[in-house]
C-alpha atoms as a PDB file:
ATOM      1  CA  UNK A   1      62.855 107.716 124.408  1.00  0.00           C
ATOM      2  CA  UNK A   2      64.487 105.600 121.673  1.00  0.00           C
ATOM      3  CA  UNK A   3      62.335 104.905 118.662  1.00  0.00           C
ATOM      4  CA  UNK A   4      63.306 101.453 117.502  1.00  0.00           C
ATOM      5  CA  UNK A   5      63.177 100.925 113.775  1.00  0.00           C
ATOM      6  CA  UNK A   6      63.388 104.639 113.033  1.00  0.00           C
ATOM      7  CA  UNK A   7      66.863 104.297 111.461  1.00  0.00           C
ATOM      8  CA  UNK A   8      68.062 101.895 108.716  1.00  0.00           C
ATOM      9  CA  UNK A   9      69.840  98.807 109.983  1.00  0.00           C
ATOM     10  CA  UNK A  10      72.731  99.339 107.586  1.00  0.00           C
ATOM     11  CA  UNK A  11      75.480 101.398 109.207  1.00  0.00           C
ATOM     12  CA  UNK A  12      78.684 101.429 107.106  1.00  0.00           C
ATOM     13  CA  UNK A  13      80.548 103.016 110.030  1.00  0.00           C
ATOM     14  CA  UNK A  14      80.510  99.664 111.816  1.00  0.00           C
ATOM     15  CA  UNK A  15      83.264  98.557 109.441  1.00  0.00           C
ATOM     16  CA  UNK A  16      85.433 101.560 110.337  1.00  0.00           C
ATOM     17  CA  UNK A  17      85.437 101.240 114.115  1.00  0.00           C
ATOM     18  CA  UNK A  18      89.007 100.050 114.755  1.00  0.00           C
ATOM     19  CA  UNK A  19      92.312  99.830 112.878  1.00  0.00           C
ATOM     20  CA  UNK A  20      92.016  96.046 112.854  1.00  0.00           C
ATOM     21  CA  UNK A  21      88.513  96.243 111.369  1.00  0.00           C
ATOM     22  CA  UNK A  22      89.629  98.701 108.706  1.00  0.00           C
ATOM     23  CA  UNK A  23      92.561  96.466 107.766  1.00  0.00           C
ATOM     24  CA  UNK A  24      90.313  93.427 107.542  1.00  0.00           C
ATOM     25  CA  UNK A  25      87.834  94.999 105.115  1.00  0.00           C
ATOM     26  CA  UNK A  26      90.318  97.035 103.062  1.00  0.00           C
ATOM     27  CA  UNK A  27      89.590  96.562  99.354  1.00  0.00           C
ATOM     28  CA  UNK A  28      93.100  97.367  98.136  1.00  0.00           C
ATOM     29  CA  UNK A  29      96.492  96.766  99.719  1.00  0.00           C
ATOM     30  CA  UNK A  30      99.913  97.920  98.650  1.00  0.00           C
ATOM     31  CA  UNK A  31     102.616  95.287  98.512  1.00  0.00           C
ATOM     32  CA  UNK A  32     106.364  95.715  97.885  1.00  0.00           C
ATOM     33  CA  UNK A  33     105.984  93.628  94.725  1.00  0.00           C
ATOM     34  CA  UNK A  34     103.697  96.348  93.308  1.00  0.00           C
ATOM     35  CA  UNK A  35     106.578  98.821  93.246  1.00  0.00           C
ATOM     36  CA  UNK A  36     109.264  99.688  90.698  1.00  0.00           C
ATOM     37  CA  UNK A  37     112.115 102.090  91.486  1.00  0.00           C
ATOM     38  CA  UNK A  38     113.147 104.561  88.775  1.00  0.00           C
ATOM     39  CA  UNK A  39     116.881 105.300  89.075  1.00  0.00           C
ATOM     40  CA  UNK A  40     119.322 107.613  87.299  1.00  0.00           C
ATOM     41  CA  UNK A  41     122.968 106.807  86.703  1.00  0.00           C
ATOM     42  CA  UNK A  42     125.339 109.549  85.570  1.00  0.00           C
ATOM     43  CA  UNK A  43     128.495 109.066  83.612  1.00  0.00           C
ATOM     44  CA  UNK A  44     131.776 110.481  84.879  1.00  0.00           C
ATOM     45  CA  UNK A  45     130.881 111.299  88.495  1.00  0.00           C
ATOM     46  CA  UNK A  46     132.594 109.955  91.590  1.00  0.00           C
ATOM     47  CA  UNK A  47     129.856 110.942  94.051  1.00  0.00           C
ATOM     48  CA  UNK A  48     126.063 110.896  93.772  1.00  0.00           C
ATOM     49  CA  UNK A  49     124.674 114.208  92.483  1.00  0.00           C
ATOM     50  CA  UNK A  50     121.553 115.428  94.344  1.00  0.00           C
ATOM     51  CA  UNK A  51     118.581 116.496  92.210  1.00  0.00           C
ATOM     52  CA  UNK A  52     117.494 119.805  93.689  1.00  0.00           C
ATOM     53  CA  UNK A  53     113.830 119.535  92.678  1.00  0.00           C
ATOM     54  CA  UNK A  54     113.552 115.960  93.983  1.00  0.00           C
ATOM     55  CA  UNK A  55     114.820 115.894  97.579  1.00  0.00           C
ATOM     56  CA  UNK A  56     116.249 112.497  98.430  1.00  0.00           C
ATOM     57  CA  UNK A  57     116.743 111.453  94.790  1.00  0.00           C
ATOM     58  CA  UNK A  58     120.181 111.511  93.140  1.00  0.00           C
ATOM     59  CA  UNK A  59     122.008 110.853  89.928  1.00  0.00           C
ATOM     60  CA  UNK A  60     123.898 107.740  90.949  1.00  0.00           C
ATOM     61  CA  UNK A  61     127.441 106.703  90.326  1.00  0.00           C
ATOM     62  CA  UNK A  62     127.839 103.175  89.043  1.00  0.00           C
ATOM     63  CA  UNK A  63     128.757 102.006  92.548  1.00  0.00           C
ATOM     64  CA  UNK A  64     125.874 103.727  94.340  1.00  0.00           C
ATOM     65  CA  UNK A  65     123.454 102.418  91.715  1.00  0.00           C
ATOM     66  CA  UNK A  66     124.568  98.895  92.563  1.00  0.00           C
ATOM     67  CA  UNK A  67     123.891  99.617  96.225  1.00  0.00           C
ATOM     68  CA  UNK A  68     120.469 101.126  95.492  1.00  0.00           C
ATOM     69  CA  UNK A  69     119.517  98.103  93.406  1.00  0.00           C
ATOM     70  CA  UNK A  70     120.588  95.715  96.160  1.00  0.00           C
ATOM     71  CA  UNK A  71     118.626  97.697  98.747  1.00  0.00           C
ATOM     72  CA  UNK A  72     115.521  97.688  96.546  1.00  0.00           C
ATOM     73  CA  UNK A  73     115.764  93.943  96.035  1.00  0.00           C
ATOM     74  CA  UNK A  74     116.271  93.424  99.761  1.00  0.00           C
ATOM     75  CA  UNK A  75     113.152  95.436 100.529  1.00  0.00           C
ATOM     76  CA  UNK A  76     111.069  93.300  98.180  1.00  0.00           C
ATOM     77  CA  UNK A  77     110.695  95.898  95.422  1.00  0.00           C
ATOM     78  CA  UNK A  78     109.767  94.185  92.155  1.00  0.00           C
ATOM     79  CA  UNK A  79     111.826  96.117  89.633  1.00  0.00           C
ATOM     80  CA  UNK A  80     114.139  98.972  88.802  1.00  0.00           C
ATOM     81  CA  UNK A  81     113.789 101.262  85.775  1.00  0.00           C
ATOM     82  CA  UNK A  82     117.164 102.624  84.676  1.00  0.00           C
ATOM     83  CA  UNK A  83     117.844 105.967  83.017  1.00  0.00           C
ATOM     84  CA  UNK A  84     121.303 106.853  81.740  1.00  0.00           C
ATOM     85  CA  UNK A  85     122.772 110.354  81.952  1.00  0.00           C
ATOM     86  CA  UNK A  86     125.756 110.660  79.589  1.00  0.00           C
ATOM     87  CA  UNK A  87     128.440 113.298  79.647  1.00  0.00           C
ATOM     88  CA  UNK A  88     127.346 116.410  77.730  1.00  0.00           C
ATOM     89  CA  UNK A  89     130.237 116.015  75.276  1.00  0.00           C
ATOM     90  CA  UNK A  90     128.803 112.659  74.173  1.00  0.00           C
ATOM     91  CA  UNK A  91     125.410 114.040  73.185  1.00  0.00           C
ATOM     92  CA  UNK A  92     124.770 114.453  69.459  1.00  0.00           C
ATOM     93  CA  UNK A  93     121.928 114.808  66.995  1.00  0.00           C
ATOM     94  CA  UNK A  94     121.398 111.043  66.704  1.00  0.00           C
ATOM     95  CA  UNK A  95     121.843 110.149  70.366  1.00  0.00           C
ATOM     96  CA  UNK A  96     124.594 107.677  69.519  1.00  0.00           C
ATOM     97  CA  UNK A  97     125.566 107.199  73.179  1.00  0.00           C
ATOM     98  CA  UNK A  98     122.204 105.486  73.575  1.00  0.00           C
ATOM     99  CA  UNK A  99     123.218 102.684  71.213  1.00  0.00           C
ATOM    100  CA  UNK A 100     126.867 102.420  72.213  1.00  0.00           C
ATOM    101  CA  UNK A 101     127.368  99.017  73.895  1.00  0.00           C
ATOM    102  CA  UNK A 102     129.665 100.836  76.309  1.00  0.00           C
ATOM    103  CA  UNK A 103     127.279 103.752  76.844  1.00  0.00           C
ATOM    104  CA  UNK A 104     126.332 104.602  80.399  1.00  0.00           C
ATOM    105  CA  UNK A 105     122.921 102.905  80.344  1.00  0.00           C
ATOM    106  CA  UNK A 106     124.231  99.659  78.903  1.00  0.00           C
ATOM    107  CA  UNK A 107     127.091  99.642  81.417  1.00  0.00           C
ATOM    108  CA  UNK A 108     124.618 100.294  84.222  1.00  0.00           C
ATOM    109  CA  UNK A 109     122.383  97.425  83.099  1.00  0.00           C
ATOM    110  CA  UNK A 110     125.345  95.059  83.260  1.00  0.00           C
ATOM    111  CA  UNK A 111     126.336  96.433  86.677  1.00  0.00           C
ATOM    112  CA  UNK A 112     122.878  95.925  88.141  1.00  0.00           C
ATOM    113  CA  UNK A 113     122.459  92.499  86.570  1.00  0.00           C
ATOM    114  CA  UNK A 114     125.802  91.506  88.059  1.00  0.00           C
ATOM    115  CA  UNK A 115     124.723  92.839  91.463  1.00  0.00           C
ATOM    116  CA  UNK A 116     121.204  91.418  91.782  1.00  0.00           C
ATOM    117  CA  UNK A 117     120.878  88.857  88.999  1.00  0.00           C
ATOM    118  CA  UNK A 118     117.228  87.922  88.614  1.00  0.00           C
ATOM    119  CA  UNK A 119     116.226  89.047  92.114  1.00  0.00           C
ATOM    120  CA  UNK A 120     115.046  92.361  90.650  1.00  0.00           C
ATOM    121  CA  UNK A 121     113.328  92.892  87.304  1.00  0.00           C
ATOM    122  CA  UNK A 122     115.777  95.150  85.473  1.00  0.00           C
ATOM    123  CA  UNK A 123     114.059  97.592  83.140  1.00  0.00           C
ATOM    124  CA  UNK A 124     115.553 100.195  80.821  1.00  0.00           C
ATOM    125  CA  UNK A 125     114.286 103.410  79.300  1.00  0.00           C
ATOM    126  CA  UNK A 126     114.258 102.968  75.531  1.00  0.00           C
ATOM    127  CA  UNK A 127     114.366 106.558  74.335  1.00  0.00           C
ATOM    128  CA  UNK A 128     116.837 109.012  72.852  1.00  0.00           C
ATOM    129  CA  UNK A 129     116.096 112.198  74.784  1.00  0.00           C
ATOM    130  CA  UNK A 130     118.865 111.727  77.344  1.00  0.00           C
ATOM    131  CA  UNK A 131     121.434 111.308  74.565  1.00  0.00           C
ATOM    132  CA  UNK A 132     120.489 113.951  71.978  1.00  0.00           C
ATOM    133  CA  UNK A 133     121.959 117.431  71.977  1.00  0.00           C
ATOM    134  CA  UNK A 134     118.515 118.839  71.089  1.00  0.00           C
ATOM    135  CA  UNK A 135     116.777 116.927  73.888  1.00  0.00           C
ATOM    136  CA  UNK A 136     114.002 115.421  71.789  1.00  0.00           C
ATOM    137  CA  UNK A 137     113.022 111.767  71.912  1.00  0.00           C
ATOM    138  CA  UNK A 138     114.019 111.084  68.326  1.00  0.00           C
ATOM    139  CA  UNK A 139     115.915 112.074  65.205  1.00  0.00           C
ATOM    140  CA  UNK A 140     115.043 115.480  63.742  1.00  0.00           C
ATOM    141  CA  UNK A 141     114.268 116.098  60.081  1.00  0.00           C
ATOM    142  CA  UNK A 142     115.409 119.077  58.018  1.00  0.00           C
ATOM    143  CA  UNK A 143     112.572 121.182  59.424  1.00  0.00           C
ATOM    144  CA  UNK A 144     113.474 120.411  63.034  1.00  0.00           C
ATOM    145  CA  UNK A 145     110.542 118.049  63.625  1.00  0.00           C
ATOM    146  CA  UNK A 146     110.952 114.583  65.074  1.00  0.00           C
ATOM    147  CA  UNK A 147     111.133 112.087  62.208  1.00  0.00           C
ATOM    148  CA  UNK A 148     109.028 109.156  63.402  1.00  0.00           C
ATOM    149  CA  UNK A 149     110.347 106.445  61.074  1.00  0.00           C
ATOM    150  CA  UNK A 150     113.993 107.451  61.267  1.00  0.00           C
ATOM    151  CA  UNK A 151     113.613 107.373  65.048  1.00  0.00           C
ATOM    152  CA  UNK A 152     112.229 103.842  64.929  1.00  0.00           C
ATOM    153  CA  UNK A 153     115.457 102.644  63.343  1.00  0.00           C
ATOM    154  CA  UNK A 154     117.365 104.066  66.304  1.00  0.00           C
ATOM    155  CA  UNK A 155     114.935 102.459  68.759  1.00  0.00           C
ATOM    156  CA  UNK A 156     115.510  99.067  67.155  1.00  0.00           C
ATOM    157  CA  UNK A 157     119.246  99.453  67.779  1.00  0.00           C
ATOM    158  CA  UNK A 158     118.601 100.547  71.367  1.00  0.00           C
ATOM    159  CA  UNK A 159     116.427  97.525  72.060  1.00  0.00           C
ATOM    160  CA  UNK A 160     119.175  95.214  70.860  1.00  0.00           C
ATOM    161  CA  UNK A 161     122.030  96.750  72.848  1.00  0.00           C
ATOM    162  CA  UNK A 162     119.951  96.975  76.018  1.00  0.00           C
ATOM    163  CA  UNK A 163     118.952  93.337  75.674  1.00  0.00           C
ATOM    164  CA  UNK A 164     122.560  92.369  74.958  1.00  0.00           C
ATOM    165  CA  UNK A 165     123.503  94.089  78.221  1.00  0.00           C
ATOM    166  CA  UNK A 166     121.114  91.836  80.141  1.00  0.00           C
ATOM    167  CA  UNK A 167     117.919  93.811  80.667  1.00  0.00           C
ATOM    168  CA  UNK A 168     114.723  91.908  81.456  1.00  0.00           C
ATOM    169  CA  UNK A 169     112.294  94.555  80.178  1.00  0.00           C
ATOM    170  CA  UNK A 170     112.624  97.443  77.727  1.00  0.00           C
ATOM    171  CA  UNK A 171     110.374 100.473  78.050  1.00  0.00           C
ATOM    172  CA  UNK A 172     109.851 102.326  74.749  1.00  0.00           C
ATOM    173  CA  UNK A 173     108.870 105.762  76.037  1.00  0.00           C
ATOM    174  CA  UNK A 174     109.231 108.164  73.111  1.00  0.00           C
ATOM    175  CA  UNK A 175     105.616 107.934  71.867  1.00  0.00           C
ATOM    176  CA  UNK A 176     106.646 107.214  68.292  1.00  0.00           C
ATOM    177  CA  UNK A 177     104.031 105.436  66.185  1.00  0.00           C
ATOM    178  CA  UNK A 178     105.098 101.811  65.775  1.00  0.00           C
ATOM    179  CA  UNK A 179     107.733 101.817  68.513  1.00  0.00           C
ATOM    180  CA  UNK A 180     106.496  98.659  70.235  1.00  0.00           C
ATOM    181  CA  UNK A 181     106.398  96.641  67.028  1.00  0.00           C
ATOM    182  CA  UNK A 182     109.878  97.753  65.994  1.00  0.00           C
ATOM    183  CA  UNK A 183     111.300  96.897  69.413  1.00  0.00           C
ATOM    184  CA  UNK A 184     109.604  93.488  69.377  1.00  0.00           C
ATOM    185  CA  UNK A 185     110.970  92.663  65.932  1.00  0.00           C
ATOM    186  CA  UNK A 186     114.463  93.800  66.887  1.00  0.00           C
ATOM    187  CA  UNK A 187     114.438  91.694  70.039  1.00  0.00           C
ATOM    188  CA  UNK A 188     113.071  88.596  68.327  1.00  0.00           C
ATOM    189  CA  UNK A 189     115.481  88.814  65.405  1.00  0.00           C
ATOM    190  CA  UNK A 190     118.503  89.007  67.714  1.00  0.00           C
ATOM    191  CA  UNK A 191     117.653  86.073  69.947  1.00  0.00           C
ATOM    192  CA  UNK A 192     116.024  88.066  72.742  1.00  0.00           C
ATOM    193  CA  UNK A 193     112.541  86.600  72.548  1.00  0.00           C
ATOM    194  CA  UNK A 194     112.319  86.432  76.349  1.00  0.00           C
ATOM    195  CA  UNK A 195     112.896  90.164  76.867  1.00  0.00           C
ATOM    196  CA  UNK A 196     109.559  91.822  77.676  1.00  0.00           C
ATOM    197  CA  UNK A 197     108.204  95.165  76.530  1.00  0.00           C
ATOM    198  CA  UNK A 198     106.580  97.622  78.914  1.00  0.00           C
ATOM    199  CA  UNK A 199     104.824  99.994  76.526  1.00  0.00           C
ATOM    200  CA  UNK A 200     104.471 103.637  77.505  1.00  0.00           C
ATOM    201  CA  UNK A 201     100.972 103.481  76.043  1.00  0.00           C
ATOM    202  CA  UNK A 202      99.446 106.689  77.377  1.00  0.00           C
ATOM    203  CA  UNK A 203     102.210 109.211  77.943  1.00  0.00           C
ATOM    204  CA  UNK A 204     100.857 112.712  78.210  1.00  0.00           C
ATOM    205  CA  UNK A 205     102.542 116.033  77.505  1.00  0.00           C
ATOM    206  CA  UNK A 206     102.557 117.105  81.136  1.00  0.00           C
ATOM    207  CA  UNK A 207     103.662 120.050  83.242  1.00  0.00           C
ATOM    208  CA  UNK A 208     104.678 117.551  85.928  1.00  0.00           C
ATOM    209  CA  UNK A 209     107.831 116.388  84.110  1.00  0.00           C
ATOM    210  CA  UNK A 210     109.800 119.464  85.178  1.00  0.00           C
ATOM    211  CA  UNK A 211     112.068 117.906  87.830  1.00  0.00           C
ATOM    212  CA  UNK A 212     112.790 114.920  85.567  1.00  0.00           C
ATOM    213  CA  UNK A 213     114.430 117.247  83.051  1.00  0.00           C
ATOM    214  CA  UNK A 214     116.987 118.126  85.727  1.00  0.00           C
ATOM    215  CA  UNK A 215     117.346 114.469  86.685  1.00  0.00           C
ATOM    216  CA  UNK A 216     118.418 113.417  83.187  1.00  0.00           C
ATOM    217  CA  UNK A 217     120.278 116.627  82.297  1.00  0.00           C
ATOM    218  CA  UNK A 218     117.865 117.322  79.446  1.00  0.00           C
ATOM    219  CA  UNK A 219     118.932 119.630  76.619  1.00  0.00           C
ATOM    220  CA  UNK A 220     115.350 120.117  75.440  1.00  0.00           C
ATOM    221  CA  UNK A 221     114.333 123.360  73.793  1.00  0.00           C
ATOM    222  CA  UNK A 222     110.607 123.754  73.185  1.00  0.00           C
ATOM    223  CA  UNK A 223     108.160 120.962  73.991  1.00  0.00           C
ATOM    224  CA  UNK A 224     107.064 117.479  72.951  1.00  0.00           C
ATOM    225  CA  UNK A 225     103.447 118.193  72.115  1.00  0.00           C
ATOM    226  CA  UNK A 226     103.732 116.810  68.582  1.00  0.00           C
ATOM    227  CA  UNK A 227     104.305 113.289  69.890  1.00  0.00           C
ATOM    228  CA  UNK A 228     103.207 113.082  73.522  1.00  0.00           C
ATOM    229  CA  UNK A 229      99.455 112.997  74.126  1.00  0.00           C
ATOM    230  CA  UNK A 230      97.198 115.985  74.699  1.00  0.00           C
ATOM    231  CA  UNK A 231      95.978 116.067  78.330  1.00  0.00           C
ATOM    232  CA  UNK A 232      92.441 116.740  77.069  1.00  0.00           C
ATOM    233  CA  UNK A 233      92.112 113.337  75.391  1.00  0.00           C
ATOM    234  CA  UNK A 234      91.074 109.964  76.791  1.00  0.00           C
ATOM    235  CA  UNK A 235      89.742 108.042  73.777  1.00  0.00           C
ATOM    236  CA  UNK A 236      93.074 108.617  72.074  1.00  0.00           C
ATOM    237  CA  UNK A 237      94.689 106.513  74.795  1.00  0.00           C
ATOM    238  CA  UNK A 238      92.443 103.589  73.932  1.00  0.00           C
ATOM    239  CA  UNK A 239      93.591 103.824  70.317  1.00  0.00           C
ATOM    240  CA  UNK A 240      97.207 103.835  71.475  1.00  0.00           C
ATOM    241  CA  UNK A 241      96.407 100.860  73.691  1.00  0.00           C
ATOM    242  CA  UNK A 242      94.958  98.817  70.836  1.00  0.00           C
ATOM    243  CA  UNK A 243      97.986  99.515  68.665  1.00  0.00           C
ATOM    244  CA  UNK A 244     100.498  98.652  71.390  1.00  0.00           C
ATOM    245  CA  UNK A 245      98.789  95.352  72.137  1.00  0.00           C
ATOM    246  CA  UNK A 246      98.603  94.496  68.454  1.00  0.00           C
ATOM    247  CA  UNK A 247     102.330  95.207  68.138  1.00  0.00           C
ATOM    248  CA  UNK A 248     103.203  92.850  70.989  1.00  0.00           C
ATOM    249  CA  UNK A 249     103.274  94.837  74.237  1.00  0.00           C
ATOM    250  CA  UNK A 250     103.562  92.562  77.269  1.00  0.00           C
ATOM    251  CA  UNK A 251     102.623  95.310  79.730  1.00  0.00           C
ATOM    252  CA  UNK A 252     101.215  98.812  79.313  1.00  0.00           C
ATOM    253  CA  UNK A 253     101.689 102.057  81.205  1.00  0.00           C
ATOM    254  CA  UNK A 254      99.945 105.338  81.966  1.00  0.00           C
ATOM    255  CA  UNK A 255     102.180 108.338  82.673  1.00  0.00           C
ATOM    256  CA  UNK A 256     101.768 110.539  84.720  1.00  0.00           C
ATOM    257  CA  UNK A 257      99.673 108.750  87.318  1.00  0.00           C
ATOM    258  CA  UNK A 258      97.652 111.060  89.581  1.00  0.00           C
ATOM    259  CA  UNK A 259      96.359 113.557  86.981  1.00  0.00           C
ATOM    260  CA  UNK A 260      95.289 110.634  84.764  1.00  0.00           C
ATOM    261  CA  UNK A 261      93.620 108.168  87.138  1.00  0.00           C
ATOM    262  CA  UNK A 262      90.560 108.118  84.904  1.00  0.00           C
ATOM    263  CA  UNK A 263      92.722 107.028  81.963  1.00  0.00           C
ATOM    264  CA  UNK A 264      94.395 104.416  84.146  1.00  0.00           C
ATOM    265  CA  UNK A 265      91.049 103.027  85.297  1.00  0.00           C
ATOM    266  CA  UNK A 266      89.716 102.890  81.749  1.00  0.00           C
ATOM    267  CA  UNK A 267      92.781 101.094  80.414  1.00  0.00           C
ATOM    268  CA  UNK A 268      92.814  98.669  83.353  1.00  0.00           C
ATOM    269  CA  UNK A 269      89.208  97.757  82.544  1.00  0.00           C
ATOM    270  CA  UNK A 270      90.048  97.141  78.889  1.00  0.00           C
ATOM    271  CA  UNK A 271      93.064  94.809  79.044  1.00  0.00           C
ATOM    272  CA  UNK A 272      94.196  91.384  80.218  1.00  0.00           C
ATOM    273  CA  UNK A 273      97.873  92.331  80.472  1.00  0.00           C
ATOM    274  CA  UNK A 274      99.566  93.945  83.496  1.00  0.00           C
ATOM    275  CA  UNK A 275      99.043  97.699  83.811  1.00  0.00           C
ATOM    276  CA  UNK A 276     101.662 100.089  85.204  1.00  0.00           C
ATOM    277  CA  UNK A 277     101.441 103.709  86.248  1.00  0.00           C
ATOM    278  CA  UNK A 278     104.361 106.092  86.709  1.00  0.00           C
ATOM    279  CA  UNK A 279     104.178 108.458  89.669  1.00  0.00           C
ATOM    280  CA  UNK A 280     106.433 111.019  88.062  1.00  0.00           C
ATOM    281  CA  UNK A 281     108.910 113.585  89.296  1.00  0.00           C
ATOM    282  CA  UNK A 282     106.451 116.448  89.662  1.00  0.00           C
ATOM    283  CA  UNK A 283     104.078 114.317  91.709  1.00  0.00           C
ATOM    284  CA  UNK A 284     106.977 113.352  93.980  1.00  0.00           C
ATOM    285  CA  UNK A 285     108.220 116.943  94.233  1.00  0.00           C
ATOM    286  CA  UNK A 286     104.818 118.339  95.205  1.00  0.00           C
ATOM    287  CA  UNK A 287     104.428 115.974  98.129  1.00  0.00           C
ATOM    288  CA  UNK A 288     107.994 116.510  99.331  1.00  0.00           C
ATOM    289  CA  UNK A 289     107.706 120.309  99.051  1.00  0.00           C
ATOM    290  CA  UNK A 290     104.377 120.495 100.855  1.00  0.00           C
ATOM    291  CA  UNK A 291     105.647 118.156 103.564  1.00  0.00           C
ATOM    292  CA  UNK A 292     108.802 120.231 104.011  1.00  0.00           C
ATOM    293  CA  UNK A 293     106.571 123.258 104.592  1.00  0.00           C
ATOM    294  CA  UNK A 294     104.620 121.325 107.211  1.00  0.00           C
ATOM    295  CA  UNK A 295     101.421 121.580 105.197  1.00  0.00           C
ATOM    296  CA  UNK A 296     100.777 117.834 104.887  1.00  0.00           C
ATOM    297  CA  UNK A 297     101.793 114.635 106.651  1.00  0.00           C
ATOM    298  CA  UNK A 298     104.456 113.254 104.303  1.00  0.00           C
ATOM    299  CA  UNK A 299     104.200 109.550 105.091  1.00  0.00           C
ATOM    300  CA  UNK A 300     100.417 109.488 105.025  1.00  0.00           C
ATOM    301  CA  UNK A 301     100.341 111.453 101.767  1.00  0.00           C
ATOM    302  CA  UNK A 302     102.761 109.046 100.094  1.00  0.00           C
ATOM    303  CA  UNK A 303     100.675 106.019 101.027  1.00  0.00           C
ATOM    304  CA  UNK A 304      97.437 107.754 100.074  1.00  0.00           C
ATOM    305  CA  UNK A 305      98.696 108.651  96.599  1.00  0.00           C
ATOM    306  CA  UNK A 306     100.037 105.157  95.979  1.00  0.00           C
ATOM    307  CA  UNK A 307      96.831 103.546  97.241  1.00  0.00           C
ATOM    308  CA  UNK A 308      94.831 105.784  94.909  1.00  0.00           C
ATOM    309  CA  UNK A 309      96.912 104.637  91.956  1.00  0.00           C
ATOM    310  CA  UNK A 310      96.476 101.008  92.984  1.00  0.00           C
ATOM    311  CA  UNK A 311      92.731 101.498  93.442  1.00  0.00           C
ATOM    312  CA  UNK A 312      92.447 102.960  89.942  1.00  0.00           C
ATOM    313  CA  UNK A 313      93.770  99.711  88.524  1.00  0.00           C
ATOM    314  CA  UNK A 314      97.570  99.716  88.467  1.00  0.00           C
ATOM    315  CA  UNK A 315      99.238  96.363  88.995  1.00  0.00           C
ATOM    316  CA  UNK A 316     102.641  98.046  89.136  1.00  0.00           C
ATOM    317  CA  UNK A 317     103.639 101.539  90.235  1.00  0.00           C
ATOM    318  CA  UNK A 318     106.869 103.274  89.329  1.00  0.00           C
ATOM    319  CA  UNK A 319     107.657 105.577  92.243  1.00  0.00           C
ATOM    320  CA  UNK A 320     110.771 107.214  93.615  1.00  0.00           C
ATOM    321  CA  UNK A 321     109.590 106.164  97.086  1.00  0.00           C
ATOM    322  CA  UNK A 322     109.616 102.460  96.134  1.00  0.00           C
ATOM    323  CA  UNK A 323     112.333 101.237  98.489  1.00  0.00           C
ATOM    324  CA  UNK A 324     111.233 103.418 101.411  1.00  0.00           C
ATOM    325  CA  UNK A 325     107.613 102.365 101.081  1.00  0.00           C
ATOM    326  CA  UNK A 326     108.478  98.691 100.590  1.00  0.00           C
ATOM    327  CA  UNK A 327     110.452  98.721 103.840  1.00  0.00           C
ATOM    328  CA  UNK A 328     107.512 100.268 105.652  1.00  0.00           C
ATOM    329  CA  UNK A 329     105.077  97.741 104.272  1.00  0.00           C
END
């Protein structure tokens, strides 16, 4: 015999009964405009070069990059973050290919701007690591350590040439102290006041960058622990955040995304500017590898990871699945 009143009237499962009900009460929804596509363009190749650790991702030719940008825009993706991969012979200690107006990244910016105009927010990686023969994100001193202030001078030049090429947003990613302020001054002093800065505010020294090193043809020996953040620290990110905002950051980023959702949530609670998170190469590779083995459902895992990043507070997500996911949405 049923005992009325023996169970609480509140039953959360009522709001999970059907797909339509679950959609109606969903607290967070992905949208194509949340997504930014990172893309690599390689100098001197006539065909796209597959990245072995990132199935489905390639180093583009200039022509295939144009096509990828057009496809992203057509799918409703918000932006594209460009990384240049120069010929090895053009790498040097100062990363001069990164500030050459005819360097591969600057050429690629002009190509994409010509292809999609303002239909896609064109972003550029403002860092030297792709262009240095030692693979570090800055200029080295006599002892082989990255010289912060000498590197800032190079970043100022990079900001100017990338803006001259037509970029909408620069992304200082080297984790040098003062990099946002230097980029802002360089942009303002050269008539590029409207170019925005997406600050890599909390960029951790992570094991998940491995596939990216292949993607950009990195020459790195050693590690970047003296300038990228220690994974053990959260409060340090809030200090970096305060400095970046003071220096003029228009948007801020947490990188990587999934191992640092607590950092992302904390930063999102602290600021009134847009917050981005970068779902990096290792995060992508893990899902693709596990799916290839049949251990997880690929499509569901992709959406679950992206929803988790959105739920933690990201307004924008850089993901190599951007175009694919945007089409599905």
